[in-house]
Amino acid sequence: MPLRNRELGLIVLALLITTVGFAAVQLARAQEFASSPLIATAFFAGAYLVAHLVVRITLPVADPYVLPITAVLTAIGLIEIYRINATLARDQGVWIMIGLALFVGVIIAFRDIRRLETLRYTCGALAVALLLTTITLGTQVNGARLWIRIGELQIQPGEFAKILLVIFLAGYLRERREVLTAPTHNVLGVGVPALRHSLPLLIIAGASLVLLVAMNDLGSSLLFYVIALAMLYIATGRLLFVGLGAGLFALGAAAAVQITPRVQTRIDGWLHPWANEQAQCCYQITQSIYTIADGGVLGAGFGRGLILNGNGETIIPYAQTDFIYSVIANELGLVGATAVILLYLLLAWRGFRIATSADDGFSKLLAAGLATAVAFQVFVIVGGVIRLLPLTGLTLPFVSYGGSSVTANFAIAGILLCISQRANRERG
């Protein structure tokens, strides 16, 4: 089957899931059909079909699975957000449209993704500028300084800085890979490259710790640091760098946590959630665990889970953002929650497969870095809601409520398809 026909068939399947999900929520809520879910489904379907048409024309041999996977994930997220609050679902639908428009813009503007390599230092500077703007002008939400408020609009610059950082690292490491793998100095018996070559990487390490303190969030700093370490290992093949980097971050984070009360609170809630279930440190995580357990193996079904209390408020605070995975586990059960994880694993696998098939170093590193960013972000947020890790302010890609996250992740999908197109075309 031609690649684009395979993609179209999978998108149609995602649209069927959307239709059934909205109908199930509406039936559970009002015992009758309403026009608003049908209109939302129509817009959702139209936007994805237009995106598919653009891909069919501009990237005919690109990976056929990336776009359908995003369709299923955004559909599940939109259905659950609608189940929580119809107004939030309307806003999320608008952001999905904007995200797909950005996706189309990326694949039209950067069909030859290697053009981004010439902008690597510009991207690095923009990433730093976005993060500095967040630190200086950001608004604290739930204790973390991750957002900038512009009127009624809240933007999370870190989502876009993440992409810019990966572009910078891909270009820098492609350029300096040889000198980074050839140690010129000996420090405590360990061969290290010259400072002028490793300085940008040391700056990223230091900046990650600064982010931990300034933004009051362990997840964001850890995400940036892991991206840098993973790309450094992929570029050089030296596990030594990873070990040293992980050790330095652990030491720095341990020291920084002592002066960051919110992170201390999150760690206390992670280690001792039942010590005081009603306390700020523990309430979210205990409610998340109860909600997941209530879902059982098969779940209650779309619209029928125990998500809202008698006043129409979510039992878990910030259920549409930080704890959307708990809602999915409650309504779709262990089976549905596992299926969502498998979708993310499939998306990460396609990203790494695109990286291995790319014919130039920059594209390889770029695809691998973006796949790492998505995969690790999922690991951190899911790990938080199941108490494998402390809670963070990160969002579940394509699923959680939030415009910055949705649009940034669609940009990632567009970049991956551009790399895939060139790789598949060169292979014939």
Protein backbone atom coordinates (compact mmCIF):
# COMPACT_ATOMS: atom_id res chain seq x y z
CA MET A 1 0.00 0.00 0.00
CA PRO A 2 1.39 3.46 -0.89
CA LEU A 3 2.65 5.37 2.14
CA ARG A 4 0.14 8.21 1.91
CA ASN A 5 -2.82 5.84 1.52
CA ARG A 6 -1.64 4.01 4.63
CA GLU A 7 -1.46 7.35 6.45
CA LEU A 8 -4.96 8.31 5.29
CA GLY A 9 -6.43 5.01 6.48
CA LEU A 10 -4.93 5.45 9.93
CA ILE A 11 -6.16 9.05 10.16
CA VAL A 12 -9.68 7.89 9.30
CA LEU A 13 -9.40 5.36 12.15
CA ALA A 14 -8.40 8.21 14.49
CA LEU A 15 -11.41 10.22 13.33
CA LEU A 16 -13.70 7.27 14.11
CA ILE A 17 -12.25 7.16 17.63
CA THR A 18 -12.97 10.88 17.95
CA THR A 19 -16.57 10.48 16.83
CA VAL A 20 -17.27 7.53 19.12
CA GLY A 21 -15.56 9.22 22.07
CA PHE A 22 -17.49 12.47 21.78
CA ALA A 23 -20.75 10.56 21.35
CA ALA A 24 -20.02 8.44 24.44
CA VAL A 25 -19.29 11.50 26.57
CA GLN A 26 -22.42 13.27 25.35
CA LEU A 27 -24.61 10.24 26.03
CA ALA A 28 -23.16 9.84 29.52
CA ARG A 29 -23.67 13.53 30.24
CA ALA A 30 -27.13 14.23 28.80
CA GLN A 31 -28.49 10.90 27.56
CA GLU A 32 -29.02 12.57 24.17
CA PHE A 33 -26.98 13.80 21.23
CA ALA A 34 -26.08 17.47 20.83
CA SER A 35 -24.70 19.30 17.82
CA SER A 36 -21.56 20.75 19.46
CA PRO A 37 -19.57 17.47 19.61
CA LEU A 38 -20.46 16.75 15.98
CA ILE A 39 -19.29 20.21 14.93
CA ALA A 40 -16.06 19.75 16.88
CA THR A 41 -15.48 16.37 15.25
CA ALA A 42 -16.09 17.87 11.80
CA PHE A 43 -13.53 20.64 12.38
CA PHE A 44 -11.05 18.13 13.81
CA ALA A 45 -11.51 15.83 10.81
CA GLY A 46 -11.24 18.66 8.31
CA ALA A 47 -8.02 20.00 9.84
CA TYR A 48 -6.32 16.60 9.82
CA LEU A 49 -7.46 15.80 6.29
CA VAL A 50 -6.07 19.13 5.07
CA ALA A 51 -2.78 18.39 6.85
CA HIS A 52 -2.70 14.96 5.21
CA LEU A 53 -3.35 16.50 1.80
CA VAL A 54 -0.44 18.92 2.23
CA VAL A 55 1.84 16.05 3.29
CA ARG A 56 0.67 14.00 0.30
CA ILE A 57 1.65 16.83 -2.05
CA THR A 58 4.86 18.09 -0.44
CA LEU A 59 6.30 15.03 1.35
CA PRO A 60 5.03 12.02 -0.64
CA VAL A 61 7.51 9.48 0.77
CA ALA A 62 7.68 10.71 4.37
CA ASP A 63 6.92 8.45 7.33
CA PRO A 64 3.22 7.41 7.20
CA TYR A 65 2.75 6.85 10.95
CA VAL A 66 3.78 10.09 12.69
CA LEU A 67 0.72 12.15 11.69
CA PRO A 68 -1.85 9.41 12.49
CA ILE A 69 -0.28 8.83 15.91
CA THR A 70 -0.65 12.52 16.71
CA ALA A 71 -4.28 12.30 15.53
CA VAL A 72 -5.12 9.50 17.96
CA LEU A 73 -3.34 11.22 20.86
CA THR A 74 -4.96 14.61 20.24
CA ALA A 75 -8.35 12.90 19.84
CA ILE A 76 -8.05 11.13 23.20
CA GLY A 77 -6.89 14.32 24.88
CA LEU A 78 -9.66 16.42 23.34
CA ILE A 79 -12.34 13.90 24.35
CA GLU A 80 -11.13 13.80 27.96
CA ILE A 81 -10.85 17.59 28.15
CA TYR A 82 -14.41 17.85 26.79
CA ARG A 83 -15.48 15.38 29.44
CA ILE A 84 -13.96 17.68 32.10
CA ASN A 85 -15.05 21.05 30.70
CA ALA A 86 -16.66 21.84 27.34
CA THR A 87 -15.25 25.38 27.27
CA LEU A 88 -11.71 24.12 27.77
CA ALA A 89 -12.28 21.59 24.99
CA ARG A 90 -13.35 24.38 22.64
CA ASP A 91 -10.17 26.30 23.41
CA GLN A 92 -8.07 23.17 22.99
CA GLY A 93 -9.71 22.54 19.63
CA VAL A 94 -8.64 26.00 18.48
CA TRP A 95 -5.07 25.30 19.58
CA ILE A 96 -5.08 22.00 17.69
CA MET A 97 -6.09 23.91 14.55
CA ILE A 98 -3.26 26.39 15.15
CA GLY A 99 -0.86 23.53 15.79
CA LEU A 100 -1.80 21.81 12.54
CA ALA A 101 -1.38 25.13 10.73
CA LEU A 102 2.13 25.39 12.20
CA PHE A 103 2.76 21.77 11.18
CA VAL A 104 1.82 22.65 7.60
CA GLY A 105 3.97 25.79 7.74
CA VAL A 106 7.01 23.80 8.90
CA ILE A 107 6.79 21.18 6.17
CA ILE A 108 6.35 23.84 3.49
CA ALA A 109 9.12 26.13 4.75
CA PHE A 110 11.68 23.46 5.68
CA ARG A 111 11.33 20.65 3.19
CA ASP A 112 15.14 20.65 3.17
CA ILE A 113 15.61 20.57 6.92
CA ARG A 114 19.38 21.07 6.60
CA ARG A 115 18.69 24.78 6.20
CA LEU A 116 18.12 24.88 9.95
CA GLU A 117 21.77 24.00 10.55
CA THR A 118 22.83 27.43 9.32
CA LEU A 119 20.58 28.92 12.02
CA ARG A 120 21.99 26.84 14.90
CA TYR A 121 23.51 29.74 16.85
CA THR A 122 20.44 31.89 16.25
CA CYS A 123 18.28 29.08 17.62
CA GLY A 124 20.55 28.73 20.65
CA ALA A 125 20.35 32.45 21.36
CA LEU A 126 16.56 32.42 20.98
CA ALA A 127 16.27 29.48 23.38
CA VAL A 128 18.27 31.37 26.00
CA ALA A 129 16.21 34.53 25.41
CA LEU A 130 12.93 32.65 25.85
CA LEU A 131 14.05 31.08 29.10
CA LEU A 132 15.43 34.36 30.46
CA THR A 133 12.15 36.04 29.57
CA THR A 134 10.28 33.37 31.49
CA ILE A 135 12.51 33.80 34.53
CA THR A 136 12.23 37.60 34.57
CA LEU A 137 8.66 38.17 33.36
CA GLY A 138 7.02 34.83 34.07
CA THR A 139 3.90 34.27 36.14
CA GLN A 140 3.78 31.66 38.87
CA VAL A 141 1.06 29.06 38.36
CA ASN A 142 0.72 26.32 40.98
CA GLY A 143 4.09 27.42 42.37
CA ALA A 144 6.13 27.10 39.15
CA ARG A 145 7.33 30.01 37.03
CA LEU A 146 6.83 28.42 33.60
CA TRP A 147 4.36 30.77 31.91
CA ILE A 148 4.21 34.30 30.52
CA ARG A 149 0.84 36.02 30.59
CA ILE A 150 -0.09 38.30 27.68
CA GLY A 151 -3.57 39.61 28.41
CA GLU A 152 -5.81 36.56 28.75
CA LEU A 153 -3.26 34.38 26.96
CA GLN A 154 -0.71 32.24 28.80
CA ILE A 155 2.36 31.06 26.89
CA GLN A 156 4.88 28.45 28.02
CA PRO A 157 8.14 29.52 26.29
CA GLY A 158 9.98 26.44 27.51
CA GLU A 159 8.06 24.29 25.03
CA PHE A 160 9.53 26.25 22.12
CA ALA A 161 12.94 26.68 23.77
CA LYS A 162 13.14 22.88 23.88
CA ILE A 163 12.96 22.66 20.08
CA LEU A 164 15.41 25.52 19.59
CA LEU A 165 17.85 23.86 22.00
CA VAL A 166 17.72 20.60 20.03
CA ILE A 167 18.37 22.45 16.75
CA PHE A 168 21.36 24.24 18.31
CA LEU A 169 22.81 21.05 19.80
CA ALA A 170 22.33 19.11 16.56
CA GLY A 171 24.26 21.75 14.62
CA TYR A 172 26.95 22.28 17.26
CA LEU A 173 27.60 18.60 17.92
CA ARG A 174 27.67 17.79 14.21
CA GLU A 175 30.30 20.50 13.78
CA ARG A 176 32.41 19.65 16.86
CA ARG A 177 31.91 15.90 17.18
CA GLU A 178 35.49 15.04 16.24
CA VAL A 179 37.15 17.41 18.71
CA LEU A 180 34.76 16.35 21.49
CA THR A 181 35.81 12.72 21.04
CA ALA A 182 39.53 13.58 21.06
CA PRO A 183 40.55 14.52 24.64
CA THR A 184 43.33 17.09 24.94
CA HIS A 185 43.44 17.50 28.74
CA ASN A 186 43.54 15.15 31.71
CA VAL A 187 41.41 16.00 34.75
CA LEU A 188 41.59 13.57 37.70
CA GLY A 189 42.64 10.83 35.33
CA VAL A 190 39.79 11.50 32.91
CA GLY A 191 40.45 12.69 29.36
CA VAL A 192 38.38 15.76 28.48
CA PRO A 193 38.23 17.99 25.39
CA ALA A 194 39.50 21.57 25.33
CA LEU A 195 37.38 24.05 27.25
CA ARG A 196 36.60 26.14 24.17
CA HIS A 197 34.89 23.13 22.60
CA SER A 198 32.99 21.95 25.67
CA LEU A 199 32.06 25.39 27.04
CA PRO A 200 28.59 25.56 25.38
CA LEU A 201 27.72 22.19 26.90
CA LEU A 202 28.89 23.32 30.34
CA ILE A 203 26.75 26.43 29.97
CA ILE A 204 23.71 24.22 29.28
CA ALA A 205 24.51 22.18 32.39
CA GLY A 206 24.74 25.29 34.53
CA ALA A 207 21.64 26.80 32.97
CA SER A 208 19.65 23.67 33.83
CA LEU A 209 20.46 24.13 37.50
CA VAL A 210 19.63 27.83 37.28
CA LEU A 211 16.26 26.86 35.78
CA LEU A 212 15.64 24.50 38.70
CA VAL A 213 15.99 27.36 41.17
CA ALA A 214 14.52 30.21 39.11
CA MET A 215 11.52 28.36 37.69
CA ASN A 216 10.81 26.27 40.79
CA ASP A 217 10.39 23.13 38.70
CA LEU A 218 12.55 20.02 38.62
CA GLY A 219 10.94 18.58 35.48
CA SER A 220 11.87 21.40 33.10
CA SER A 221 15.51 21.55 34.17
CA LEU A 222 15.81 17.76 34.06
CA LEU A 223 14.27 17.64 30.57
CA PHE A 224 16.74 20.15 29.13
CA TYR A 225 19.65 18.39 30.79
CA VAL A 226 18.65 14.92 29.59
CA ILE A 227 18.21 16.19 26.03
CA ALA A 228 21.75 17.60 26.10
CA LEU A 229 23.27 14.44 27.60
CA ALA A 230 21.43 12.12 25.22
CA MET A 231 22.48 14.11 22.15
CA LEU A 232 26.06 14.31 23.42
CA TYR A 233 26.15 10.53 23.78
CA ILE A 234 24.58 9.97 20.36
CA ALA A 235 27.15 12.32 18.78
CA THR A 236 30.25 11.00 20.54
CA GLY A 237 29.39 7.50 21.75
CA ARG A 238 31.16 8.25 25.07
CA LEU A 239 29.27 6.98 28.10
CA LEU A 240 31.81 8.80 30.23
CA PHE A 241 30.20 12.13 29.34
CA VAL A 242 26.79 10.80 30.36
CA GLY A 243 28.07 9.49 33.68
CA LEU A 244 29.90 12.70 34.54
CA GLY A 245 26.97 14.82 33.43
CA ALA A 246 24.45 12.81 35.44
CA GLY A 247 26.65 12.98 38.52
CA LEU A 248 27.14 16.72 38.25
CA PHE A 249 23.41 17.31 37.82
CA ALA A 250 22.56 15.08 40.78
CA LEU A 251 24.99 16.97 43.02
CA GLY A 252 23.81 20.35 41.81
CA ALA A 253 20.14 19.40 42.08
CA ALA A 254 20.60 18.09 45.62
CA ALA A 255 22.12 21.41 46.63
CA ALA A 256 19.55 23.47 44.71
CA VAL A 257 16.61 21.60 46.23
CA GLN A 258 17.66 22.83 49.66
CA ILE A 259 16.92 26.42 48.58
CA THR A 260 13.81 25.65 46.51
CA PRO A 261 10.82 25.11 48.84
CA ARG A 262 8.39 24.03 46.10
CA VAL A 263 10.69 21.27 44.89
CA GLN A 264 11.17 20.18 48.50
CA THR A 265 7.38 20.01 48.86
CA ARG A 266 7.06 17.93 45.70
CA ILE A 267 9.71 15.49 46.89
CA ASP A 268 8.04 15.19 50.31
CA GLY A 269 4.72 14.46 48.60
CA TRP A 270 6.40 11.87 46.40
CA LEU A 271 8.10 10.06 49.28
CA HIS A 272 5.33 10.35 51.89
CA PRO A 273 2.01 10.94 50.08
CA TRP A 274 -0.18 9.37 52.75
CA ALA A 275 1.41 11.20 55.66
CA ASN A 276 -1.16 13.96 55.21
CA GLU A 277 -3.47 13.33 52.26
CA GLN A 278 -5.15 16.73 52.49
CA ALA A 279 -1.90 18.72 52.55
CA GLN A 280 -0.76 20.62 49.47
CA CYS A 281 2.20 18.30 48.98
CA CYS A 282 0.10 15.13 48.95
CA TYR A 283 -3.48 15.76 47.83
CA GLN A 284 -2.88 15.70 44.07
CA ILE A 285 -0.81 12.54 44.00
CA THR A 286 -3.08 10.58 46.37
CA GLN A 287 -6.17 11.55 44.37
CA SER A 288 -4.34 10.55 41.19
CA ILE A 289 -3.53 7.11 42.58
CA TYR A 290 -7.12 6.59 43.76
CA THR A 291 -8.45 7.70 40.36
CA ILE A 292 -6.16 5.34 38.46
CA ALA A 293 -7.04 2.43 40.77
CA ASP A 294 -10.76 3.15 40.35
CA GLY A 295 -10.41 2.62 36.60
CA GLY A 296 -9.47 -1.03 36.97
CA VAL A 297 -8.54 -3.05 33.91
CA LEU A 298 -11.11 -1.85 31.38
CA GLY A 299 -12.17 1.50 32.85
CA ALA A 300 -15.59 3.06 33.19
CA GLY A 301 -15.75 4.26 29.58
CA PHE A 302 -15.61 7.73 28.04
CA GLY A 303 -17.72 10.12 30.10
CA ARG A 304 -18.47 7.65 32.90
CA GLY A 305 -15.40 7.85 35.12
CA LEU A 306 -15.28 9.32 38.61
CA ILE A 307 -13.65 12.60 37.57
CA LEU A 308 -15.94 15.37 38.86
CA ASN A 309 -17.44 15.97 42.29
CA GLY A 310 -20.99 17.08 43.01
CA ASN A 311 -20.10 20.72 42.30
CA GLY A 312 -18.78 19.92 38.83
CA GLU A 313 -15.16 20.43 39.92
CA THR A 314 -12.42 17.93 39.12
CA ILE A 315 -11.52 15.63 41.98
CA ILE A 316 -7.87 15.99 40.98
CA PRO A 317 -6.72 19.62 40.72
CA TYR A 318 -5.39 20.47 37.25
CA ALA A 319 -6.80 17.23 35.83
CA GLN A 320 -6.81 18.66 32.29
CA THR A 321 -3.08 19.44 32.37
CA ASP A 322 -0.82 17.72 34.91
CA PHE A 323 -3.10 14.72 35.54
CA ILE A 324 -4.77 14.02 32.20
CA TYR A 325 -3.15 10.57 32.21
CA SER A 326 -4.95 9.74 35.47
CA VAL A 327 -8.25 10.67 33.82
CA ILE A 328 -7.44 8.41 30.86
CA ALA A 329 -6.57 5.53 33.20
CA ASN A 330 -9.85 6.01 35.06
CA GLU A 331 -12.08 6.04 31.99
CA LEU A 332 -10.16 3.63 29.74
CA GLY A 333 -8.61 1.43 32.42
CA LEU A 334 -5.26 -0.29 32.40
CA VAL A 335 -5.85 -1.39 28.81
CA GLY A 336 -6.46 2.13 27.53
CA ALA A 337 -3.68 3.69 29.61
CA THR A 338 -1.25 1.08 28.31
CA ALA A 339 -2.41 1.72 24.74
CA VAL A 340 -1.57 5.42 25.17
CA ILE A 341 1.93 4.52 26.37
CA LEU A 342 2.33 2.20 23.38
CA LEU A 343 1.37 5.05 21.07
CA TYR A 344 4.12 7.19 22.57
CA LEU A 345 6.60 4.33 22.27
CA LEU A 346 5.62 3.94 18.63
CA LEU A 347 6.06 7.68 18.06
CA ALA A 348 9.50 7.60 19.70
CA TRP A 349 10.46 4.53 17.68
CA ARG A 350 9.46 6.23 14.43
CA GLY A 351 11.51 9.26 15.49
CA PHE A 352 14.63 7.18 16.16
CA ARG A 353 14.05 5.19 12.98
CA ILE A 354 13.93 8.44 11.04
CA ALA A 355 17.19 9.42 12.76
CA THR A 356 18.97 6.21 11.75
CA SER A 357 17.78 6.50 8.15
CA ALA A 358 18.87 10.14 7.72
CA ASP A 359 21.85 10.64 5.43
CA ASP A 360 23.58 13.54 7.21
CA GLY A 361 24.81 14.08 10.75
CA PHE A 362 22.71 17.14 11.48
CA SER A 363 19.44 15.44 10.53
CA LYS A 364 20.35 12.33 12.51
CA LEU A 365 21.04 14.33 15.66
CA LEU A 366 18.00 16.55 15.17
CA ALA A 367 15.57 13.64 14.80
CA ALA A 368 17.14 11.72 17.69
CA GLY A 369 17.06 14.80 19.92
CA LEU A 370 13.40 15.53 19.20
CA ALA A 371 12.43 11.88 19.74
CA THR A 372 14.32 11.92 23.04
CA ALA A 373 12.57 15.13 24.11
CA VAL A 374 9.10 13.70 23.50
CA ALA A 375 9.87 10.29 25.02
CA PHE A 376 11.49 11.67 28.16
CA GLN A 377 8.74 14.24 28.68
CA VAL A 378 6.17 11.43 28.60
CA PHE A 379 8.28 9.40 31.03
CA VAL A 380 8.50 12.32 33.48
CA ILE A 381 4.80 13.25 33.43
CA VAL A 382 3.49 9.66 33.56
CA GLY A 383 6.09 8.80 36.19
CA GLY A 384 4.80 11.70 38.26
CA VAL A 385 1.14 10.71 38.22
CA ILE A 386 1.88 7.06 39.11
CA ARG A 387 4.40 8.11 41.82
CA LEU A 388 7.45 6.72 40.07
CA LEU A 389 8.94 10.24 40.08
CA PRO A 390 8.17 13.54 41.85
CA LEU A 391 5.45 15.64 40.22
CA THR A 392 6.55 18.27 37.70
CA GLY A 393 5.00 21.06 35.65
CA LEU A 394 5.47 19.29 32.31
CA THR A 395 2.55 18.37 30.05
CA LEU A 396 1.67 15.15 28.24
CA PRO A 397 2.50 15.79 24.54
CA PHE A 398 -0.54 16.17 22.25
CA VAL A 399 -2.90 15.17 25.09
CA SER A 400 -2.73 17.72 27.92
CA TYR A 401 -4.63 20.99 27.75
CA GLY A 402 -2.43 23.89 26.68
CA GLY A 403 -1.73 25.82 23.51
CA SER A 404 2.06 26.08 23.81
CA SER A 405 2.49 22.35 24.28
CA VAL A 406 0.18 21.41 21.42
CA THR A 407 1.66 23.82 18.88
CA ALA A 408 5.27 23.01 19.81
CA ASN A 409 4.69 19.27 19.48
CA PHE A 410 3.08 19.69 16.07
CA ALA A 411 6.22 21.58 15.02
CA ILE A 412 8.26 18.57 16.17
CA ALA A 413 6.07 16.25 14.08
CA GLY A 414 6.58 18.48 11.04
CA ILE A 415 10.36 18.49 11.43
CA LEU A 416 10.44 14.69 11.76
CA LEU A 417 8.44 14.29 8.55
CA CYS A 418 10.77 16.66 6.68
CA ILE A 419 13.79 14.60 7.75
CA SER A 420 11.97 11.39 6.82
CA GLN A 421 11.09 12.71 3.36
CA ARG A 422 14.70 13.46 2.48
CA ALA A 423 15.99 10.18 3.93
CA ASN A 424 13.43 8.03 2.08
CA ARG A 425 13.91 9.95 -1.17
CA GLU A 426 17.69 9.49 -1.05
CA ARG A 427 17.28 5.76 -0.40
CA GLY A 428 14.93 5.53 -3.38
